[in-house]
N, C-alpha and C. Protein backbone atom coordinates (compact mmCIF):
# COMPACT_ATOMS: atom_id res chain seq x y z
N UNK A 1 60.07 27.45 -14.37
CA UNK A 1 58.62 27.63 -14.29
C UNK A 1 58.23 29.09 -14.26
N UNK A 2 56.99 29.31 -14.46
CA UNK A 2 56.38 30.63 -14.52
C UNK A 2 55.79 30.91 -13.14
N UNK A 3 56.14 32.04 -12.53
CA UNK A 3 55.54 32.45 -11.28
C UNK A 3 54.04 32.94 -11.60
N UNK A 4 53.09 32.38 -10.83
CA UNK A 4 51.65 32.78 -10.96
C UNK A 4 51.18 33.19 -9.60
N UNK A 5 50.17 33.97 -9.63
CA UNK A 5 49.56 34.48 -8.40
C UNK A 5 48.57 33.42 -7.97
N UNK A 6 48.60 33.11 -6.73
CA UNK A 6 47.67 32.04 -6.23
C UNK A 6 46.55 32.66 -5.41
N UNK A 7 45.57 31.88 -5.16
CA UNK A 7 44.40 32.21 -4.38
C UNK A 7 44.21 31.21 -3.25
N UNK A 8 43.49 31.62 -2.21
CA UNK A 8 43.18 30.66 -1.19
C UNK A 8 42.09 29.73 -1.86
N UNK A 9 41.95 28.55 -1.25
CA UNK A 9 40.86 27.61 -1.60
C UNK A 9 39.52 28.33 -1.63
N UNK A 10 39.22 29.01 -0.63
CA UNK A 10 38.01 29.79 -0.44
C UNK A 10 37.75 30.68 -1.59
N UNK A 11 38.82 31.52 -1.86
CA UNK A 11 38.77 32.53 -2.98
C UNK A 11 38.53 31.79 -4.40
N UNK A 12 39.24 30.79 -4.56
CA UNK A 12 39.00 29.99 -5.77
C UNK A 12 37.69 29.39 -5.92
N UNK A 13 37.13 28.86 -4.86
CA UNK A 13 35.72 28.25 -4.89
C UNK A 13 34.74 29.40 -5.06
N UNK A 14 34.87 30.53 -4.35
CA UNK A 14 33.98 31.64 -4.59
C UNK A 14 34.02 32.14 -6.03
N UNK A 15 35.20 32.30 -6.58
CA UNK A 15 35.41 32.71 -7.92
C UNK A 15 34.65 31.86 -8.95
N UNK A 16 34.88 30.50 -8.73
CA UNK A 16 34.30 29.51 -9.63
C UNK A 16 32.81 29.52 -9.45
N UNK A 17 32.28 29.60 -8.27
CA UNK A 17 30.90 29.61 -8.11
C UNK A 17 30.21 30.89 -8.61
N UNK A 18 30.90 32.06 -8.49
CA UNK A 18 30.45 33.27 -9.02
C UNK A 18 30.31 33.18 -10.56
N UNK A 19 31.31 32.54 -11.08
CA UNK A 19 31.35 32.43 -12.58
C UNK A 19 30.20 31.54 -13.10
N UNK A 20 30.04 30.34 -12.49
CA UNK A 20 28.91 29.45 -13.00
C UNK A 20 27.49 30.03 -12.62
N UNK A 21 27.49 30.81 -11.58
CA UNK A 21 26.21 31.41 -11.18
C UNK A 21 25.68 32.42 -12.15
N UNK A 22 26.45 32.89 -13.11
CA UNK A 22 26.03 33.75 -14.11
C UNK A 22 25.08 33.18 -15.15
N UNK A 23 25.07 31.81 -15.08
CA UNK A 23 24.34 31.06 -16.17
C UNK A 23 23.14 30.38 -15.55
N UNK A 24 22.08 29.97 -16.20
CA UNK A 24 20.98 29.14 -15.55
C UNK A 24 21.76 27.92 -15.05
N UNK A 25 21.00 27.15 -14.26
CA UNK A 25 21.58 25.92 -13.58
C UNK A 25 22.44 25.22 -14.62
N UNK A 26 23.64 24.96 -14.27
CA UNK A 26 24.66 24.33 -15.17
C UNK A 26 24.79 22.88 -14.96
N UNK A 27 25.23 22.18 -15.90
CA UNK A 27 25.62 20.74 -15.91
C UNK A 27 27.10 20.73 -15.99
N UNK A 28 27.84 20.30 -14.94
CA UNK A 28 29.22 20.14 -14.92
C UNK A 28 29.62 18.73 -15.59
N UNK A 29 30.57 18.82 -16.47
CA UNK A 29 30.89 17.61 -17.26
C UNK A 29 32.40 17.47 -16.92
N UNK A 30 32.78 16.10 -16.62
CA UNK A 30 34.18 15.81 -16.34
C UNK A 30 34.36 14.35 -16.75
N UNK A 31 35.50 13.99 -17.23
CA UNK A 31 35.97 12.67 -17.52
C UNK A 31 36.48 12.08 -16.23
N UNK A 32 35.87 10.92 -15.89
CA UNK A 32 36.12 10.28 -14.54
C UNK A 32 35.68 11.14 -13.42
N UNK A 33 34.68 12.10 -13.61
CA UNK A 33 34.23 12.95 -12.62
C UNK A 33 33.56 12.31 -11.39
N UNK A 34 32.85 11.23 -11.68
CA UNK A 34 32.17 10.54 -10.56
C UNK A 34 33.15 10.07 -9.54
N UNK A 35 34.31 9.55 -10.02
CA UNK A 35 35.34 8.97 -9.13
C UNK A 35 36.27 10.03 -8.45
N UNK A 36 36.36 11.28 -9.11
CA UNK A 36 37.34 12.18 -8.66
C UNK A 36 36.75 13.64 -8.52
N UNK A 37 36.53 14.28 -9.66
CA UNK A 37 36.21 15.78 -9.68
C UNK A 37 34.95 16.07 -8.84
N UNK A 38 33.98 15.29 -9.02
CA UNK A 38 32.69 15.61 -8.36
C UNK A 38 32.89 15.54 -6.79
N UNK A 39 33.54 14.49 -6.39
CA UNK A 39 33.82 14.27 -4.83
C UNK A 39 34.66 15.38 -4.35
N UNK A 40 35.69 15.80 -5.14
CA UNK A 40 36.61 16.87 -4.68
C UNK A 40 35.80 18.23 -4.60
N UNK A 41 35.05 18.54 -5.64
CA UNK A 41 34.28 19.74 -5.67
C UNK A 41 33.32 19.83 -4.53
N UNK A 42 32.51 18.82 -4.31
CA UNK A 42 31.52 18.75 -3.16
C UNK A 42 32.30 18.88 -1.81
N UNK A 43 33.35 18.06 -1.67
CA UNK A 43 34.10 18.12 -0.36
C UNK A 43 34.59 19.61 -0.11
N UNK A 44 35.18 20.20 -1.08
CA UNK A 44 35.77 21.50 -0.90
C UNK A 44 34.68 22.54 -0.71
N UNK A 45 33.54 22.41 -1.36
CA UNK A 45 32.44 23.35 -1.14
C UNK A 45 31.94 23.21 0.34
N UNK A 46 31.83 22.00 0.84
CA UNK A 46 31.45 21.83 2.28
C UNK A 46 32.55 22.44 3.06
N UNK A 47 33.71 22.12 2.89
CA UNK A 47 34.92 22.65 3.70
C UNK A 47 34.80 24.22 3.76
N UNK A 48 34.49 24.81 2.66
CA UNK A 48 34.49 26.29 2.61
C UNK A 48 33.05 26.89 2.97
N UNK A 49 32.20 26.02 3.44
CA UNK A 49 30.87 26.40 3.78
C UNK A 49 30.13 27.04 2.51
N UNK A 50 30.29 26.57 1.34
CA UNK A 50 29.72 27.07 0.14
C UNK A 50 28.88 26.02 -0.58
N UNK A 51 28.42 24.96 0.10
CA UNK A 51 27.63 23.89 -0.37
C UNK A 51 26.39 24.46 -0.97
N UNK A 52 25.69 25.34 -0.26
CA UNK A 52 24.41 25.84 -0.67
C UNK A 52 24.56 26.62 -1.95
N UNK A 53 25.67 27.37 -2.12
CA UNK A 53 25.97 28.07 -3.35
C UNK A 53 26.19 27.19 -4.53
N UNK A 54 26.89 26.05 -4.23
CA UNK A 54 27.10 25.04 -5.30
C UNK A 54 25.71 24.37 -5.61
N UNK A 55 24.95 24.04 -4.75
CA UNK A 55 23.65 23.35 -5.03
C UNK A 55 22.73 24.35 -5.86
N UNK A 56 22.81 25.64 -5.53
CA UNK A 56 21.96 26.62 -6.22
C UNK A 56 22.43 26.83 -7.59
N UNK A 57 23.68 26.63 -7.95
CA UNK A 57 24.27 26.91 -9.28
C UNK A 57 24.25 25.74 -10.20
N UNK A 58 24.30 24.54 -9.60
CA UNK A 58 24.52 23.24 -10.40
C UNK A 58 23.27 22.39 -10.49
N UNK A 59 22.91 22.11 -11.76
CA UNK A 59 21.74 21.26 -12.08
C UNK A 59 22.22 19.77 -11.77
N UNK A 60 23.46 19.44 -12.16
CA UNK A 60 23.93 18.08 -11.95
C UNK A 60 25.29 17.95 -12.57
N UNK A 61 25.74 16.68 -12.55
CA UNK A 61 27.04 16.35 -13.02
C UNK A 61 26.94 15.24 -14.10
N UNK A 62 27.83 15.30 -15.11
CA UNK A 62 27.95 14.14 -16.01
C UNK A 62 29.33 13.64 -16.13
N UNK A 63 29.42 12.37 -16.10
CA UNK A 63 30.78 11.69 -16.17
C UNK A 63 30.92 11.13 -17.60
N UNK A 64 31.79 11.68 -18.41
CA UNK A 64 32.02 11.20 -19.72
C UNK A 64 32.62 9.84 -19.84
N UNK A 65 33.43 9.48 -18.78
CA UNK A 65 34.08 8.16 -18.79
C UNK A 65 32.97 7.03 -18.79
N UNK A 66 31.97 7.25 -18.02
CA UNK A 66 30.80 6.26 -17.97
C UNK A 66 30.04 6.27 -19.26
N UNK A 67 29.88 7.38 -19.82
CA UNK A 67 29.12 7.47 -21.15
C UNK A 67 29.86 6.79 -22.20
N UNK A 68 31.19 7.04 -22.25
CA UNK A 68 31.94 6.44 -23.27
C UNK A 68 32.06 4.97 -23.16
N UNK A 69 32.21 4.47 -21.86
CA UNK A 69 32.34 3.01 -21.63
C UNK A 69 31.03 2.39 -22.07
N UNK A 70 29.94 2.98 -21.87
CA UNK A 70 28.59 2.39 -22.32
C UNK A 70 28.39 2.45 -23.81
N UNK A 71 28.62 3.68 -24.37
CA UNK A 71 28.35 3.84 -25.80
C UNK A 71 29.41 3.25 -26.76
N UNK A 72 30.62 3.10 -26.32
CA UNK A 72 31.70 2.55 -27.13
C UNK A 72 32.17 1.10 -26.80
N UNK A 73 31.41 0.51 -25.99
CA UNK A 73 31.88 -0.81 -25.50
C UNK A 73 32.15 -1.69 -26.73
N UNK A 74 33.29 -2.35 -26.68
CA UNK A 74 33.64 -3.25 -27.85
C UNK A 74 34.29 -2.54 -28.96
N UNK A 75 34.23 -1.23 -29.07
CA UNK A 75 34.79 -0.51 -30.07
C UNK A 75 36.35 -0.11 -29.91
N UNK A 76 36.55 0.19 -28.60
CA UNK A 76 37.94 0.55 -28.20
C UNK A 76 38.28 -0.15 -26.90
N UNK A 77 39.59 -0.31 -26.62
CA UNK A 77 40.03 -1.09 -25.48
C UNK A 77 40.11 -0.21 -24.21
N UNK A 78 40.59 0.97 -24.35
CA UNK A 78 40.82 1.92 -23.18
C UNK A 78 39.89 3.15 -23.34
N UNK A 79 39.59 3.65 -22.23
CA UNK A 79 38.74 4.93 -22.17
C UNK A 79 39.41 6.11 -21.58
N UNK A 80 40.77 6.13 -21.52
CA UNK A 80 41.43 7.25 -21.02
C UNK A 80 41.16 8.43 -22.02
N UNK A 81 41.41 9.68 -21.60
CA UNK A 81 41.24 10.73 -22.45
C UNK A 81 42.22 10.60 -23.66
N UNK A 82 43.40 10.19 -23.40
CA UNK A 82 44.35 10.02 -24.44
C UNK A 82 43.84 8.98 -25.51
N UNK A 83 43.33 7.88 -25.07
CA UNK A 83 42.81 6.84 -25.97
C UNK A 83 41.62 7.32 -26.77
N UNK A 84 40.76 8.07 -26.09
CA UNK A 84 39.59 8.57 -26.73
C UNK A 84 39.92 9.65 -27.75
N UNK A 85 40.86 10.49 -27.38
CA UNK A 85 41.40 11.54 -28.20
C UNK A 85 41.98 10.96 -29.46
N UNK A 86 42.75 9.91 -29.34
CA UNK A 86 43.27 9.20 -30.53
C UNK A 86 42.22 8.62 -31.31
N UNK A 87 41.23 7.95 -30.69
CA UNK A 87 40.06 7.29 -31.51
C UNK A 87 39.32 8.36 -32.24
N UNK A 88 39.07 9.55 -31.70
CA UNK A 88 38.38 10.61 -32.42
C UNK A 88 39.36 11.60 -33.14
N UNK A 89 40.54 11.11 -33.33
CA UNK A 89 41.53 11.85 -34.12
C UNK A 89 41.73 13.23 -33.77
N UNK A 90 41.87 13.47 -32.47
CA UNK A 90 42.13 14.82 -31.85
C UNK A 90 43.65 15.21 -31.93
N UNK A 91 43.94 16.44 -31.79
CA UNK A 91 45.31 16.86 -31.68
C UNK A 91 46.05 16.42 -30.41
N UNK A 92 47.32 16.34 -30.39
CA UNK A 92 48.08 15.95 -29.27
C UNK A 92 47.71 16.99 -28.13
N UNK A 93 47.76 16.53 -26.85
CA UNK A 93 47.50 17.41 -25.74
C UNK A 93 48.28 17.01 -24.56
N UNK A 94 48.39 17.91 -23.62
CA UNK A 94 49.07 17.65 -22.40
C UNK A 94 48.09 16.99 -21.36
N UNK A 95 48.25 15.66 -21.25
CA UNK A 95 47.37 14.91 -20.41
C UNK A 95 47.62 15.30 -18.85
N UNK A 96 46.54 15.33 -18.10
CA UNK A 96 46.60 15.59 -16.67
C UNK A 96 46.93 17.14 -16.47
N UNK A 97 46.86 17.99 -17.51
CA UNK A 97 46.87 19.38 -17.31
C UNK A 97 45.54 19.88 -17.55
N UNK A 98 45.13 20.69 -16.70
CA UNK A 98 43.64 21.07 -16.67
C UNK A 98 43.24 21.64 -18.08
N UNK A 99 44.05 22.62 -18.61
CA UNK A 99 43.74 23.16 -19.96
C UNK A 99 43.78 22.12 -21.10
N UNK A 100 44.80 21.25 -20.96
CA UNK A 100 44.95 20.20 -22.09
C UNK A 100 43.78 19.22 -22.01
N UNK A 101 43.44 18.81 -20.78
CA UNK A 101 42.33 17.85 -20.59
C UNK A 101 40.96 18.42 -21.18
N UNK A 102 40.77 19.66 -20.81
CA UNK A 102 39.51 20.40 -21.27
C UNK A 102 39.47 20.47 -22.79
N UNK A 103 40.57 20.79 -23.36
CA UNK A 103 40.73 20.91 -24.79
C UNK A 103 40.43 19.59 -25.49
N UNK A 104 41.07 18.54 -24.92
CA UNK A 104 40.89 17.21 -25.52
C UNK A 104 39.46 16.76 -25.37
N UNK A 105 38.84 16.97 -24.15
CA UNK A 105 37.38 16.55 -23.93
C UNK A 105 36.52 17.40 -24.84
N UNK A 106 36.73 18.63 -24.99
CA UNK A 106 35.93 19.40 -25.96
C UNK A 106 35.98 18.95 -27.41
N UNK A 107 37.16 18.56 -27.82
CA UNK A 107 37.34 17.98 -29.17
C UNK A 107 36.56 16.68 -29.31
N UNK A 108 36.66 15.79 -28.30
CA UNK A 108 36.03 14.49 -28.27
C UNK A 108 34.49 14.67 -28.34
N UNK A 109 34.04 15.62 -27.57
CA UNK A 109 32.53 15.79 -27.49
C UNK A 109 32.07 16.40 -28.80
N UNK A 110 32.86 17.08 -29.61
CA UNK A 110 32.35 17.50 -30.81
C UNK A 110 32.16 16.42 -31.81
N UNK A 111 32.85 15.29 -31.60
CA UNK A 111 32.74 14.14 -32.46
C UNK A 111 31.78 13.00 -31.93
N UNK A 112 31.39 13.16 -30.78
CA UNK A 112 30.51 12.27 -30.03
C UNK A 112 29.10 12.81 -29.85
N UNK A 113 28.03 12.05 -30.30
CA UNK A 113 26.69 12.67 -30.13
C UNK A 113 26.35 12.95 -28.58
N UNK A 114 25.90 14.21 -28.56
CA UNK A 114 25.42 14.71 -27.20
C UNK A 114 24.45 13.84 -26.53
N UNK A 115 23.59 13.30 -27.36
CA UNK A 115 22.45 12.44 -26.84
C UNK A 115 23.08 11.19 -26.11
N UNK A 116 24.30 10.84 -26.43
CA UNK A 116 24.83 9.64 -25.82
C UNK A 116 25.07 9.88 -24.31
N UNK A 117 25.12 11.15 -23.90
CA UNK A 117 25.40 11.47 -22.49
C UNK A 117 24.06 11.34 -21.67
N UNK A 118 22.95 11.32 -22.34
CA UNK A 118 21.68 11.32 -21.65
C UNK A 118 21.35 9.98 -21.01
C-alpha cells in the first residue's frame, strides 16, 4: 500500500466545510445517502461541534438511490451503483472506493435527467 498523511476527524470536517463554504449553499448528493452518508456527516459534524457550519453551508441532501428507484421502477432489477453504471453503460470502476463511486455516479448522472431528482 501507499503511505498517506492522515488528518484528525475535526481537521477533515473543517477542511470539507471550508471547501463547500466557498460556494453558495450546496446540495450534497450521494447514492444511498439517506441511509448512510447523510447520517454520518451530521453525526460527525455534531461530534466536532461544527453542526452550525454544516447548516450554514448546505441547502440540503439528495439521495440518488431513492430517485433511481422511483424513476427506473420496472426498468432494472437492482439499484446498486454497479447495476446503474452497467445500465447507463459506464466504464468499470472500483466500487466502495470514494473516488470510484464518485466517478461512477458522475457518469450515471450525465445520462440521467437532472429533473428526475426534483
